[in-house]
Amino acid sequence: MADILKEAAGILALLAGIVLFFAVLQPHLTPPVFHSWRATSATSLTCGDSISSSGDYVVEKDVTDYSSGNCFYLDGVSSTTIDCQGHTIDGVGTDAGFYLTSSSGNTIKNCNITGFDKGMYFVASTGNTIRATEISSSTTNGIYLDGDSSANYFDGVRNEYGYPTPVDRMTFDSYSAQD
C-alpha cells in the first residue's frame, strides 16, 4: 500500500509540475506579437488624394474598382512616407495606382496595387524607395520610369512584368519597364 501511495504522490507531483508550467512559465515563452507601427501624426489617405506636402500617410482600407484618375498623386514632394498597411488598391485598367512627378526621397510600402494601366508611374522623380509592394494585372506596365526618373530603389517589390525582377533588392537608374 505504501508503494501505491508513493506512486500516486509522484504522479500528483508530476501533474502539479505540468499545471505550474502551463499556468506560470509557458506564457513567458510565447514569442511576442509585433504590431505594425504607425506614427501618431500619420494622415489617412483615400484614392484621389493629391499629396503636395511632406509627411507620414497611411491607407486604412482596401480600394476596389477605382476609376477617377490616378489613385495617389505625389507632386513635387520629398521626405514623405506612405504605408498601405497591406491594403489592396484596385483600379479598372486606366491611369496609375501611384503617380509621382518631380518627387524625391519618398517611401511607399506595404501596398498591393492591381488593375491600373500602370501600377506606379514616375516622371522626373528620383531617389524614391518602394518596399514590400506587389503590383499585378496592370494594363500596360507595372512600373514605368519616365522623364529623368533615376536612382529609385525597389526592395521586396513583385511586379508582374518582371521589372524589377522578383528579387529582394534592385536599384534603377533611368529605365522604363515595357511589356
Foldseek 3Di string as FASTA:
>chain_A
DVVVVVVVVVVVVVVVVVCCCVVPPVVVVDDDDDDDDDDPPEDEFWFPDEDEEADEYEHDEAAEADEDAAGYEYEQYANHEYEPVQHEHAHQQEHEPYEYENYAHYEYENYEYEHYLEDYEYANYEHYEYEQYEYDHHNWYPYAYYHQYAQYKYAQYHTPLPVVHRDGIDTGGRDTRGD
